[in-house]
Amino acid sequence: MIIERRYCARHPIDLHVSIRYRKRRFICARACNLSNQGMFLEVRSLTLPTGIPVELELECLGKDWLIPAIVVHHRGSGIGVMFRDPQPLLYQGLTRDDTRQPPPPQAVGAPGRRSSAR
């Protein structure tokens, strides 16, 4: 049985990420889920052991990010990384609910609107 060690909810994303190791771009990956504390990266071939510090280089939300992280686990298709510092702006920006309904139109006769009825 696998014990769940996550402290934050994960949200699906699809984002290209470069993994930097010792200040060099090591490998390109695809982030497929994100939490405030880390992300899972799908990679094809990987030689980084658990516990190795890395930097994640990505471009999203109108800016370039360079996020220090640590490899915390391996799975067949990739690696889990934990951010060295929480990334609330990245998390909130990529997981905000874009399906919110627009506000309802103002009622006829409401301030700022003219009513055609007299």
PDB file of N, CA and C in Angstrom:
ATOM      1  N   MET A   1       0.828  -1.175   0.000  1.00  0.00           N
ATOM      2  CA  MET A   1       0.000   0.000   0.000  1.00  0.00           C
ATOM      3  C   MET A   1       0.879   1.247   0.000  1.00  0.00           C
ATOM      4  N   ILE A   2       0.546   2.233  -0.830  1.00  0.00           N
ATOM      5  CA  ILE A   2       1.300   3.476  -0.919  1.00  0.00           C
ATOM      6  C   ILE A   2       0.694   4.494   0.032  1.00  0.00           C
ATOM      7  N   ILE A   3       1.525   5.116   0.821  1.00  0.00           N
ATOM      8  CA  ILE A   3       1.067   6.146   1.751  1.00  0.00           C
ATOM      9  C   ILE A   3       1.166   7.500   1.068  1.00  0.00           C
ATOM     10  N   GLU A   4       0.089   8.236   1.060  1.00  0.00           N
ATOM     11  CA  GLU A   4       0.051   9.566   0.456  1.00  0.00           C
ATOM     12  C   GLU A   4       0.782  10.549   1.351  1.00  0.00           C
ATOM     13  N   ARG A   5       1.765  11.265   0.791  1.00  0.00           N
ATOM     14  CA  ARG A   5       2.537  12.222   1.570  1.00  0.00           C
ATOM     15  C   ARG A   5       2.295  13.660   1.157  1.00  0.00           C
ATOM     16  N   ARG A   6       1.373  13.907   0.285  1.00  0.00           N
ATOM     17  CA  ARG A   6       1.113  15.265  -0.172  1.00  0.00           C
ATOM     18  C   ARG A   6       0.373  16.047   0.895  1.00  0.00           C
ATOM     19  N   TYR A   7       0.725  17.323   0.985  1.00  0.00           N
ATOM     20  CA  TYR A   7       0.054  18.212   1.925  1.00  0.00           C
ATOM     21  C   TYR A   7      -0.866  19.188   1.214  1.00  0.00           C
ATOM     22  N   CYS A   8      -0.759  19.270  -0.107  1.00  0.00           N
ATOM     23  CA  CYS A   8      -1.560  20.207  -0.898  1.00  0.00           C
ATOM     24  C   CYS A   8      -2.204  19.464  -2.060  1.00  0.00           C
ATOM     25  N   ALA A   9      -3.342  19.949  -2.496  1.00  0.00           N
ATOM     26  CA  ALA A   9      -4.025  19.367  -3.645  1.00  0.00           C
ATOM     27  C   ALA A   9      -3.198  19.582  -4.906  1.00  0.00           C
ATOM     28  N   ARG A  10      -3.272  18.635  -5.809  1.00  0.00           N
ATOM     29  CA  ARG A  10      -2.611  18.731  -7.104  1.00  0.00           C
ATOM     30  C   ARG A  10      -3.637  19.094  -8.154  1.00  0.00           C
ATOM     31  N   HIS A  11      -3.225  19.933  -9.102  1.00  0.00           N
ATOM     32  CA  HIS A  11      -4.103  20.343 -10.188  1.00  0.00           C
ATOM     33  C   HIS A  11      -3.428  20.015 -11.512  1.00  0.00           C
ATOM     34  N   PRO A  12      -4.185  19.482 -12.465  1.00  0.00           N
ATOM     35  CA  PRO A  12      -3.590  19.159 -13.762  1.00  0.00           C
ATOM     36  C   PRO A  12      -3.181  20.426 -14.508  1.00  0.00           C
ATOM     37  N   ILE A  13      -2.017  20.358 -15.140  1.00  0.00           N
ATOM     38  CA  ILE A  13      -1.531  21.446 -15.988  1.00  0.00           C
ATOM     39  C   ILE A  13      -0.806  20.821 -17.171  1.00  0.00           C
ATOM     40  N   ASP A  14      -0.472  21.607 -18.142  1.00  0.00           N
ATOM     41  CA  ASP A  14       0.323  21.162 -19.285  1.00  0.00           C
ATOM     42  C   ASP A  14       1.272  22.300 -19.610  1.00  0.00           C
ATOM     43  N   LEU A  15       2.525  22.150 -19.191  1.00  0.00           N
ATOM     44  CA  LEU A  15       3.475  23.246 -19.269  1.00  0.00           C
ATOM     45  C   LEU A  15       4.865  22.699 -19.551  1.00  0.00           C
ATOM     46  N   HIS A  16       5.579  23.315 -20.485  1.00  0.00           N
ATOM     47  CA  HIS A  16       6.958  22.904 -20.765  1.00  0.00           C
ATOM     48  C   HIS A  16       7.890  23.494 -19.715  1.00  0.00           C
ATOM     49  N   VAL A  17       8.781  22.653 -19.205  1.00  0.00           N
ATOM     50  CA  VAL A  17       9.716  23.045 -18.153  1.00  0.00           C
ATOM     51  C   VAL A  17      11.098  22.539 -18.526  1.00  0.00           C
ATOM     52  N   SER A  18      12.120  23.360 -18.353  1.00  0.00           N
ATOM     53  CA  SER A  18      13.499  22.906 -18.490  1.00  0.00           C
ATOM     54  C   SER A  18      14.047  22.661 -17.093  1.00  0.00           C
ATOM     55  N   ILE A  19      14.667  21.509 -16.914  1.00  0.00           N
ATOM     56  CA  ILE A  19      15.283  21.185 -15.631  1.00  0.00           C
ATOM     57  C   ILE A  19      16.742  21.568 -15.722  1.00  0.00           C
ATOM     58  N   ARG A  20      17.177  22.422 -14.812  1.00  0.00           N
ATOM     59  CA  ARG A  20      18.583  22.846 -14.769  1.00  0.00           C
ATOM     60  C   ARG A  20      19.265  22.158 -13.588  1.00  0.00           C
ATOM     61  N   TYR A  21      20.441  21.643 -13.866  1.00  0.00           N
ATOM     62  CA  TYR A  21      21.236  20.971 -12.849  1.00  0.00           C
ATOM     63  C   TYR A  21      22.648  21.534 -12.933  1.00  0.00           C
ATOM     64  N   ARG A  22      23.135  22.042 -11.825  1.00  0.00           N
ATOM     65  CA  ARG A  22      24.457  22.692 -11.774  1.00  0.00           C
ATOM     66  C   ARG A  22      24.568  23.803 -12.810  1.00  0.00           C
ATOM     67  N   LYS A  23      23.526  24.629 -12.862  1.00  0.00           N
ATOM     68  CA  LYS A  23      23.455  25.829 -13.707  1.00  0.00           C
ATOM     69  C   LYS A  23      23.429  25.539 -15.210  1.00  0.00           C
ATOM     70  N   ARG A  24      23.271  24.275 -15.603  1.00  0.00           N
ATOM     71  CA  ARG A  24      23.152  23.933 -17.016  1.00  0.00           C
ATOM     72  C   ARG A  24      21.783  23.339 -17.286  1.00  0.00           C
ATOM     73  N   ARG A  25      21.239  23.655 -18.443  1.00  0.00           N
ATOM     74  CA  ARG A  25      19.975  23.055 -18.841  1.00  0.00           C
ATOM     75  C   ARG A  25      20.224  21.567 -19.052  1.00  0.00           C
ATOM     76  N   PHE A  26      19.510  20.757 -18.321  1.00  0.00           N
ATOM     77  CA  PHE A  26      19.756  19.323 -18.325  1.00  0.00           C
ATOM     78  C   PHE A  26      18.793  18.578 -19.239  1.00  0.00           C
ATOM     79  N   ILE A  27      17.527  18.861 -19.082  1.00  0.00           N
ATOM     80  CA  ILE A  27      16.533  18.119 -19.841  1.00  0.00           C
ATOM     81  C   ILE A  27      15.226  18.922 -19.918  1.00  0.00           C
ATOM     82  N   CYS A  28      14.506  18.728 -21.010  1.00  0.00           N
ATOM     83  CA  CYS A  28      13.190  19.353 -21.132  1.00  0.00           C
ATOM     84  C   CYS A  28      12.140  18.362 -20.648  1.00  0.00           C
ATOM     85  N   ALA A  29      11.145  18.873 -19.973  1.00  0.00           N
ATOM     86  CA  ALA A  29      10.100  18.043 -19.391  1.00  0.00           C
ATOM     87  C   ALA A  29       8.753  18.708 -19.609  1.00  0.00           C
ATOM     88  N   ARG A  30       7.708  17.976 -19.258  1.00  0.00           N
ATOM     89  CA  ARG A  30       6.354  18.514 -19.311  1.00  0.00           C
ATOM     90  C   ARG A  30       5.745  18.382 -17.926  1.00  0.00           C
ATOM     91  N   ALA A  31       5.382  19.527 -17.348  1.00  0.00           N
ATOM     92  CA  ALA A  31       4.707  19.510 -16.047  1.00  0.00           C
ATOM     93  C   ALA A  31       3.274  19.066 -16.276  1.00  0.00           C
ATOM     94  N   CYS A  32       2.842  18.043 -15.533  1.00  0.00           N
ATOM     95  CA  CYS A  32       1.475  17.563 -15.740  1.00  0.00           C
ATOM     96  C   CYS A  32       0.596  17.762 -14.512  1.00  0.00           C
ATOM     97  N   ASN A  33       1.171  18.077 -13.353  1.00  0.00           N
ATOM     98  CA  ASN A  33       0.343  18.517 -12.235  1.00  0.00           C
ATOM     99  C   ASN A  33       1.147  19.432 -11.328  1.00  0.00           C
ATOM    100  N   LEU A  34       0.433  20.233 -10.557  1.00  0.00           N
ATOM    101  CA  LEU A  34       1.052  21.300  -9.788  1.00  0.00           C
ATOM    102  C   LEU A  34       0.364  21.447  -8.442  1.00  0.00           C
ATOM    103  N   SER A  35       1.157  21.710  -7.415  1.00  0.00           N
ATOM    104  CA  SER A  35       0.627  22.131  -6.122  1.00  0.00           C
ATOM    105  C   SER A  35       1.397  23.372  -5.715  1.00  0.00           C
ATOM    106  N   ASN A  36       1.053  23.948  -4.597  1.00  0.00           N
ATOM    107  CA  ASN A  36       1.777  25.110  -4.087  1.00  0.00           C
ATOM    108  C   ASN A  36       3.212  24.737  -3.721  1.00  0.00           C
ATOM    109  N   GLN A  37       3.454  23.447  -3.467  1.00  0.00           N
ATOM    110  CA  GLN A  37       4.760  23.014  -2.985  1.00  0.00           C
ATOM    111  C   GLN A  37       5.588  22.228  -3.985  1.00  0.00           C
ATOM    112  N   GLY A  38       5.031  21.876  -5.158  1.00  0.00           N
ATOM    113  CA  GLY A  38       5.811  21.094  -6.102  1.00  0.00           C
ATOM    114  C   GLY A  38       5.034  20.758  -7.351  1.00  0.00           C
ATOM    115  N   MET A  39       5.653  19.906  -8.183  1.00  0.00           N
ATOM    116  CA  MET A  39       5.004  19.472  -9.420  1.00  0.00           C
ATOM    117  C   MET A  39       5.558  18.134  -9.857  1.00  0.00           C
ATOM    118  N   PHE A  40       4.787  17.461 -10.720  1.00  0.00           N
ATOM    119  CA  PHE A  40       5.273  16.227 -11.329  1.00  0.00           C
ATOM    120  C   PHE A  40       5.655  16.544 -12.752  1.00  0.00           C
ATOM    121  N   LEU A  41       6.855  16.092 -13.154  1.00  0.00           N
ATOM    122  CA  LEU A  41       7.391  16.370 -14.477  1.00  0.00           C
ATOM    123  C   LEU A  41       7.539  15.070 -15.251  1.00  0.00           C
ATOM    124  N   GLU A  42       6.920  14.991 -16.403  1.00  0.00           N
ATOM    125  CA  GLU A  42       7.105  13.844 -17.281  1.00  0.00           C
ATOM    126  C   GLU A  42       8.391  14.050 -18.064  1.00  0.00           C
ATOM    127  N   VAL A  43       9.265  13.049 -18.025  1.00  0.00           N
ATOM    128  CA  VAL A  43      10.540  13.087 -18.751  1.00  0.00           C
ATOM    129  C   VAL A  43      10.774  11.736 -19.402  1.00  0.00           C
ATOM    130  N   ARG A  44      11.522  11.711 -20.488  1.00  0.00           N
ATOM    131  CA  ARG A  44      11.773  10.445 -21.193  1.00  0.00           C
ATOM    132  C   ARG A  44      12.933   9.674 -20.593  1.00  0.00           C
ATOM    133  N   SER A  45      14.032  10.329 -20.341  1.00  0.00           N
ATOM    134  CA  SER A  45      15.183   9.645 -19.736  1.00  0.00           C
ATOM    135  C   SER A  45      15.711  10.552 -18.631  1.00  0.00           C
ATOM    136  N   LEU A  46      16.083   9.939 -17.553  1.00  0.00           N
ATOM    137  CA  LEU A  46      16.473  10.732 -16.397  1.00  0.00           C
ATOM    138  C   LEU A  46      17.555  10.014 -15.604  1.00  0.00           C
ATOM    139  N   THR A  47      18.545  10.773 -15.165  1.00  0.00           N
ATOM    140  CA  THR A  47      19.609  10.187 -14.355  1.00  0.00           C
ATOM    141  C   THR A  47      19.798  10.923 -13.034  1.00  0.00           C
ATOM    142  N   LEU A  48      18.849  11.784 -12.682  1.00  0.00           N
ATOM    143  CA  LEU A  48      18.963  12.526 -11.429  1.00  0.00           C
ATOM    144  C   LEU A  48      18.406  11.713 -10.264  1.00  0.00           C
ATOM    145  N   PRO A  49      19.205  11.471  -9.242  1.00  0.00           N
ATOM    146  CA  PRO A  49      18.703  10.707  -8.094  1.00  0.00           C
ATOM    147  C   PRO A  49      17.847  11.568  -7.159  1.00  0.00           C
ATOM    148  N   THR A  50      17.076  10.894  -6.327  1.00  0.00           N
ATOM    149  CA  THR A  50      16.273  11.554  -5.307  1.00  0.00           C
ATOM    150  C   THR A  50      17.187  12.371  -4.400  1.00  0.00           C
ATOM    151  N   GLY A  51      16.732  13.564  -4.019  1.00  0.00           N
ATOM    152  CA  GLY A  51      17.489  14.432  -3.121  1.00  0.00           C
ATOM    153  C   GLY A  51      18.379  15.446  -3.815  1.00  0.00           C
ATOM    154  N   ILE A  52      18.501  15.362  -5.139  1.00  0.00           N
ATOM    155  CA  ILE A  52      19.362  16.279  -5.896  1.00  0.00           C
ATOM    156  C   ILE A  52      18.661  17.625  -6.071  1.00  0.00           C
ATOM    157  N   PRO A  53      19.356  18.730  -5.761  1.00  0.00           N
ATOM    158  CA  PRO A  53      18.759  20.049  -6.022  1.00  0.00           C
ATOM    159  C   PRO A  53      18.802  20.369  -7.518  1.00  0.00           C
ATOM    160  N   VAL A  54      17.720  20.941  -8.007  1.00  0.00           N
ATOM    161  CA  VAL A  54      17.613  21.351  -9.409  1.00  0.00           C
ATOM    162  C   VAL A  54      16.963  22.731  -9.448  1.00  0.00           C
ATOM    163  N   GLU A  55      16.946  23.325 -10.620  1.00  0.00           N
ATOM    164  CA  GLU A  55      16.192  24.554 -10.855  1.00  0.00           C
ATOM    165  C   GLU A  55      15.242  24.282 -12.006  1.00  0.00           C
ATOM    166  N   LEU A  56      14.044  24.790 -11.898  1.00  0.00           N
ATOM    167  CA  LEU A  56      13.032  24.625 -12.938  1.00  0.00           C
ATOM    168  C   LEU A  56      12.888  25.945 -13.664  1.00  0.00           C
ATOM    169  N   GLU A  57      13.099  25.904 -14.945  1.00  0.00           N
ATOM    170  CA  GLU A  57      13.018  27.108 -15.774  1.00  0.00           C
ATOM    171  C   GLU A  57      11.763  26.988 -16.629  1.00  0.00           C
ATOM    172  N   LEU A  58      10.855  27.973 -16.498  1.00  0.00           N
ATOM    173  CA  LEU A  58       9.630  27.944 -17.274  1.00  0.00           C
ATOM    174  C   LEU A  58       9.170  29.353 -17.589  1.00  0.00           C
ATOM    175  N   GLU A  59       8.328  29.424 -18.600  1.00  0.00           N
ATOM    176  CA  GLU A  59       7.761  30.709 -19.009  1.00  0.00           C
ATOM    177  C   GLU A  59       6.247  30.568 -19.009  1.00  0.00           C
ATOM    178  N   CYS A  60       5.598  31.368 -18.167  1.00  0.00           N
ATOM    179  CA  CYS A  60       4.141  31.364 -18.114  1.00  0.00           C
ATOM    180  C   CYS A  60       3.672  32.591 -17.350  1.00  0.00           C
ATOM    181  N   LEU A  61       2.408  32.886 -17.450  1.00  0.00           N
ATOM    182  CA  LEU A  61       1.795  34.023 -16.755  1.00  0.00           C
ATOM    183  C   LEU A  61       2.520  35.330 -17.069  1.00  0.00           C
ATOM    184  N   GLY A  62       3.068  35.421 -18.281  1.00  0.00           N
ATOM    185  CA  GLY A  62       3.718  36.645 -18.720  1.00  0.00           C
ATOM    186  C   GLY A  62       5.089  36.898 -18.128  1.00  0.00           C
ATOM    187  N   LYS A  63       5.726  35.871 -17.546  1.00  0.00           N
ATOM    188  CA  LYS A  63       7.069  36.084 -16.998  1.00  0.00           C
ATOM    189  C   LYS A  63       7.887  34.809 -17.062  1.00  0.00           C
ATOM    190  N   ASP A  64       9.190  34.963 -16.888  1.00  0.00           N
ATOM    191  CA  ASP A  64      10.111  33.838 -16.820  1.00  0.00           C
ATOM    192  C   ASP A  64      10.323  33.474 -15.361  1.00  0.00           C
ATOM    193  N   TRP A  65      10.298  32.181 -15.066  1.00  0.00           N
ATOM    194  CA  TRP A  65      10.458  31.681 -13.708  1.00  0.00           C
ATOM    195  C   TRP A  65      11.727  30.840 -13.633  1.00  0.00           C
ATOM    196  N   LEU A  66      12.448  30.935 -12.544  1.00  0.00           N
ATOM    197  CA  LEU A  66      13.567  30.054 -12.227  1.00  0.00           C
ATOM    198  C   LEU A  66      13.354  29.638 -10.775  1.00  0.00           C
ATOM    199  N   ILE A  67      12.878  28.417 -10.591  1.00  0.00           N
ATOM    200  CA  ILE A  67      12.419  27.962  -9.284  1.00  0.00           C
ATOM    201  C   ILE A  67      13.353  26.880  -8.743  1.00  0.00           C
ATOM    202  N   PRO A  68      14.021  27.120  -7.618  1.00  0.00           N
ATOM    203  CA  PRO A  68      14.831  26.075  -6.983  1.00  0.00           C
ATOM    204  C   PRO A  68      13.922  24.966  -6.453  1.00  0.00           C
ATOM    205  N   ALA A  69      14.325  23.714  -6.688  1.00  0.00           N
ATOM    206  CA  ALA A  69      13.523  22.565  -6.264  1.00  0.00           C
ATOM    207  C   ALA A  69      14.441  21.397  -5.919  1.00  0.00           C
ATOM    208  N   ILE A  70      13.843  20.339  -5.391  1.00  0.00           N
ATOM    209  CA  ILE A  70      14.572  19.120  -5.032  1.00  0.00           C
ATOM    210  C   ILE A  70      13.791  17.938  -5.596  1.00  0.00           C
ATOM    211  N   VAL A  71      14.508  16.991  -6.207  1.00  0.00           N
ATOM    212  CA  VAL A  71      13.869  15.774  -6.699  1.00  0.00           C
ATOM    213  C   VAL A  71      13.475  14.941  -5.483  1.00  0.00           C
ATOM    214  N   VAL A  72      12.172  14.622  -5.366  1.00  0.00           N
ATOM    215  CA  VAL A  72      11.715  13.875  -4.184  1.00  0.00           C
ATOM    216  C   VAL A  72      11.260  12.453  -4.496  1.00  0.00           C
ATOM    217  N   HIS A  73      10.919  12.163  -5.741  1.00  0.00           N
ATOM    218  CA  HIS A  73      10.593  10.776  -6.082  1.00  0.00           C
ATOM    219  C   HIS A  73      10.641  10.564  -7.582  1.00  0.00           C
ATOM    220  N   HIS A  74      10.743   9.295  -7.958  1.00  0.00           N
ATOM    221  CA  HIS A  74      10.732   8.871  -9.361  1.00  0.00           C
ATOM    222  C   HIS A  74       9.525   7.988  -9.586  1.00  0.00           C
ATOM    223  N   ARG A  75       8.959   8.100 -10.748  1.00  0.00           N
ATOM    224  CA  ARG A  75       7.915   7.188 -11.189  1.00  0.00           C
ATOM    225  C   ARG A  75       8.253   6.854 -12.632  1.00  0.00           C
ATOM    226  N   GLY A  76       7.765   5.786 -13.155  1.00  0.00           N
ATOM    227  CA  GLY A  76       8.132   5.351 -14.499  1.00  0.00           C
ATOM    228  C   GLY A  76       8.173   6.448 -15.544  1.00  0.00           C
ATOM    229  N   SER A  77       7.204   7.363 -15.501  1.00  0.00           N
ATOM    230  CA  SER A  77       7.114   8.375 -16.553  1.00  0.00           C
ATOM    231  C   SER A  77       7.789   9.700 -16.199  1.00  0.00           C
ATOM    232  N   GLY A  78       8.304   9.843 -14.973  1.00  0.00           N
ATOM    233  CA  GLY A  78       8.923  11.118 -14.636  1.00  0.00           C
ATOM    234  C   GLY A  78       9.338  11.230 -13.184  1.00  0.00           C
ATOM    235  N   ILE A  79       9.414  12.487 -12.730  1.00  0.00           N
ATOM    236  CA  ILE A  79       9.879  12.766 -11.372  1.00  0.00           C
ATOM    237  C   ILE A  79       8.944  13.737 -10.660  1.00  0.00           C
ATOM    238  N   GLY A  80       8.908  13.623  -9.355  1.00  0.00           N
ATOM    239  CA  GLY A  80       8.221  14.600  -8.520  1.00  0.00           C
ATOM    240  C   GLY A  80       9.262  15.524  -7.929  1.00  0.00           C
ATOM    241  N   VAL A  81       9.008  16.810  -7.988  1.00  0.00           N
ATOM    242  CA  VAL A  81       9.926  17.785  -7.392  1.00  0.00           C
ATOM    243  C   VAL A  81       9.177  18.620  -6.368  1.00  0.00           C
ATOM    244  N   MET A  82       9.895  18.982  -5.324  1.00  0.00           N
ATOM    245  CA  MET A  82       9.344  19.855  -4.290  1.00  0.00           C
ATOM    246  C   MET A  82      10.070  21.195  -4.399  1.00  0.00           C
ATOM    247  N   PHE A  83       9.301  22.275  -4.436  1.00  0.00           N
ATOM    248  CA  PHE A  83       9.906  23.600  -4.478  1.00  0.00           C
ATOM    249  C   PHE A  83      10.618  23.861  -3.164  1.00  0.00           C
ATOM    250  N   ARG A  84      11.769  24.523  -3.230  1.00  0.00           N
ATOM    251  CA  ARG A  84      12.461  24.864  -1.992  1.00  0.00           C
ATOM    252  C   ARG A  84      11.692  25.917  -1.217  1.00  0.00           C
ATOM    253  N   ASP A  85      10.938  26.743  -1.907  1.00  0.00           N
ATOM    254  CA  ASP A  85      10.048  27.727  -1.287  1.00  0.00           C
ATOM    255  C   ASP A  85       8.693  27.596  -1.971  1.00  0.00           C
ATOM    256  N   PRO A  86       7.593  27.693  -1.228  1.00  0.00           N
ATOM    257  CA  PRO A  86       6.272  27.636  -1.873  1.00  0.00           C
ATOM    258  C   PRO A  86       6.160  28.682  -2.972  1.00  0.00           C
ATOM    259  N   GLN A  87       5.365  28.384  -3.977  1.00  0.00           N
ATOM    260  CA  GLN A  87       5.182  29.270  -5.125  1.00  0.00           C
ATOM    261  C   GLN A  87       3.707  29.653  -5.263  1.00  0.00           C
ATOM    262  N   PRO A  88       3.185  30.440  -4.324  1.00  0.00           N
ATOM    263  CA  PRO A  88       1.750  30.748  -4.365  1.00  0.00           C
ATOM    264  C   PRO A  88       1.325  31.525  -5.612  1.00  0.00           C
ATOM    265  N   LEU A  89       2.149  32.411  -6.135  1.00  0.00           N
ATOM    266  CA  LEU A  89       1.756  33.179  -7.328  1.00  0.00           C
ATOM    267  C   LEU A  89       1.652  32.279  -8.554  1.00  0.00           C
ATOM    268  N   LEU A  90       2.600  31.374  -8.704  1.00  0.00           N
ATOM    269  CA  LEU A  90       2.551  30.423  -9.807  1.00  0.00           C
ATOM    270  C   LEU A  90       1.330  29.522  -9.660  1.00  0.00           C
ATOM    271  N   TYR A  91       1.130  28.992  -8.476  1.00  0.00           N
ATOM    272  CA  TYR A  91       0.016  28.087  -8.207  1.00  0.00           C
ATOM    273  C   TYR A  91      -1.328  28.771  -8.453  1.00  0.00           C
ATOM    274  N   GLN A  92      -1.512  29.943  -7.882  1.00  0.00           N
ATOM    275  CA  GLN A  92      -2.779  30.661  -8.049  1.00  0.00           C
ATOM    276  C   GLN A  92      -3.004  31.061  -9.498  1.00  0.00           C
ATOM    277  N   GLY A  93      -1.943  31.496 -10.158  1.00  0.00           N
ATOM    278  CA  GLY A  93      -2.083  31.926 -11.548  1.00  0.00           C
ATOM    279  C   GLY A  93      -2.437  30.800 -12.494  1.00  0.00           C
ATOM    280  N   LEU A  94      -1.906  29.594 -12.242  1.00  0.00           N
ATOM    281  CA  LEU A  94      -2.163  28.471 -13.137  1.00  0.00           C
ATOM    282  C   LEU A  94      -3.392  27.658 -12.765  1.00  0.00           C
ATOM    283  N   THR A  95      -3.914  27.852 -11.564  1.00  0.00           N
ATOM    284  CA  THR A  95      -5.061  27.042 -11.140  1.00  0.00           C
ATOM    285  C   THR A  95      -6.317  27.856 -10.914  1.00  0.00           C
ATOM    286  N   ARG A  96      -6.298  29.140 -11.181  1.00  0.00           N
ATOM    287  CA  ARG A  96      -7.510  29.930 -10.965  1.00  0.00           C
ATOM    288  C   ARG A  96      -8.623  29.387 -11.841  1.00  0.00           C
ATOM    289  N   ASP A  97      -9.832  29.566 -11.395  1.00  0.00           N
ATOM    290  CA  ASP A  97     -11.002  29.028 -12.068  1.00  0.00           C
ATOM    291  C   ASP A  97     -11.414  29.957 -13.202  1.00  0.00           C
ATOM    292  N   ASP A  98     -11.023  29.601 -14.431  1.00  0.00           N
ATOM    293  CA  ASP A  98     -11.370  30.412 -15.593  1.00  0.00           C
ATOM    294  C   ASP A  98     -12.768  30.108 -16.110  1.00  0.00           C
ATOM    295  N   THR A  99     -13.486  29.222 -15.421  1.00  0.00           N
ATOM    296  CA  THR A  99     -14.832  28.871 -15.867  1.00  0.00           C
ATOM    297  C   THR A  99     -15.890  29.662 -15.117  1.00  0.00           C
ATOM    298  N   ARG A 100     -15.487  30.649 -14.339  1.00  0.00           N
ATOM    299  CA  ARG A 100     -16.460  31.453 -13.593  1.00  0.00           C
ATOM    300  C   ARG A 100     -17.444  32.116 -14.535  1.00  0.00           C
ATOM    301  N   GLN A 101     -18.651  32.200 -14.114  1.00  0.00           N
ATOM    302  CA  GLN A 101     -19.695  32.845 -14.910  1.00  0.00           C
ATOM    303  C   GLN A 101     -19.513  34.364 -14.840  1.00  0.00           C
ATOM    304  N   PRO A 102     -19.766  35.077 -15.955  1.00  0.00           N
ATOM    305  CA  PRO A 102     -19.705  36.535 -15.892  1.00  0.00           C
ATOM    306  C   PRO A 102     -20.820  37.051 -14.997  1.00  0.00           C
ATOM    307  N   PRO A 103     -20.657  38.227 -14.416  1.00  0.00           N
ATOM    308  CA  PRO A 103     -21.712  38.755 -13.554  1.00  0.00           C
ATOM    309  C   PRO A 103     -22.986  38.968 -14.363  1.00  0.00           C
ATOM    310  N   PRO A 104     -24.153  38.791 -13.733  1.00  0.00           N
ATOM    311  CA  PRO A 104     -25.407  38.989 -14.474  1.00  0.00           C
ATOM    312  C   PRO A 104     -25.562  40.454 -14.860  1.00  0.00           C
ATOM    313  N   PRO A 105     -26.258  40.721 -15.960  1.00  0.00           N
ATOM    314  CA  PRO A 105     -26.469  42.121 -16.353  1.00  0.00           C
ATOM    315  C   PRO A 105     -27.296  42.837 -15.291  1.00  0.00           C
ATOM    316  N   GLN A 106     -27.091  44.159 -15.221  1.00  0.00           N
ATOM    317  CA  GLN A 106     -27.843  44.946 -14.237  1.00  0.00           C
ATOM    318  C   GLN A 106     -29.320  44.954 -14.599  1.00  0.00           C
ATOM    319  N   ALA A 107     -30.156  45.007 -13.592  1.00  0.00           N
ATOM    320  CA  ALA A 107     -31.609  45.040 -13.812  1.00  0.00           C
ATOM    321  C   ALA A 107     -32.007  46.378 -14.419  1.00  0.00           C
ATOM    322  N   VAL A 108     -33.084  46.361 -15.169  1.00  0.00           N
ATOM    323  CA  VAL A 108     -33.612  47.592 -15.771  1.00  0.00           C
ATOM    324  C   VAL A 108     -33.938  48.562 -14.643  1.00  0.00           C
ATOM    325  N   GLY A 109     -33.528  49.802 -14.804  1.00  0.00           N
ATOM    326  CA  GLY A 109     -33.806  50.815 -13.803  1.00  0.00           C
ATOM    327  C   GLY A 109     -32.744  50.890 -12.725  1.00  0.00           C
ATOM    328  N   ALA A 110     -31.703  50.057 -12.812  1.00  0.00           N
ATOM    329  CA  ALA A 110     -30.632  50.122 -11.817  1.00  0.00           C
ATOM    330  C   ALA A 110     -29.818  51.374 -12.056  1.00  0.00           C
ATOM    331  N   PRO A 111     -29.143  51.897 -11.021  1.00  0.00           N
ATOM    332  CA  PRO A 111     -28.345  53.115 -11.197  1.00  0.00           C
ATOM    333  C   PRO A 111     -27.343  52.949 -12.331  1.00  0.00           C
ATOM    334  N   GLY A 112     -27.196  53.998 -13.118  1.00  0.00           N
ATOM    335  CA  GLY A 112     -26.243  53.965 -14.219  1.00  0.00           C
ATOM    336  C   GLY A 112     -26.814  53.419 -15.514  1.00  0.00           C
ATOM    337  N   ARG A 113     -28.037  52.930 -15.501  1.00  0.00           N
ATOM    338  CA  ARG A 113     -28.654  52.395 -16.711  1.00  0.00           C
ATOM    339  C   ARG A 113     -29.954  53.129 -16.960  1.00  0.00           C
ATOM    340  N   ARG A 114     -30.252  53.352 -18.196  1.00  0.00           N
ATOM    341  CA  ARG A 114     -31.493  54.026 -18.548  1.00  0.00           C
ATOM    342  C   ARG A 114     -32.560  53.005 -18.886  1.00  0.00           C
ATOM    343  N   SER A 115     -33.715  53.263 -18.417  1.00  0.00           N
ATOM    344  CA  SER A 115     -34.853  52.388 -18.731  1.00  0.00           C
ATOM    345  C   SER A 115     -35.655  53.032 -19.842  1.00  0.00           C
ATOM    346  N   SER A 116     -36.106  52.194 -20.791  1.00  0.00           N
ATOM    347  CA  SER A 116     -36.914  52.770 -21.876  1.00  0.00           C
ATOM    348  C   SER A 116     -38.377  52.879 -21.448  1.00  0.00           C
ATOM    349  N   ALA A 117     -38.744  52.283 -20.342  1.00  0.00           N
ATOM    350  CA  ALA A 117     -40.130  52.353 -19.871  1.00  0.00           C
ATOM    351  C   ALA A 117     -40.332  53.637 -19.082  1.00  0.00           C
ATOM    352  N   ARG A 118     -41.497  54.265 -19.246  1.00  0.00           N
ATOM    353  CA  ARG A 118     -41.774  55.490 -18.498  1.00  0.00           C
ATOM    354  C   ARG A 118     -43.001  55.334 -17.692  1.00  0.00           C
TER     355      ARG A 118
END
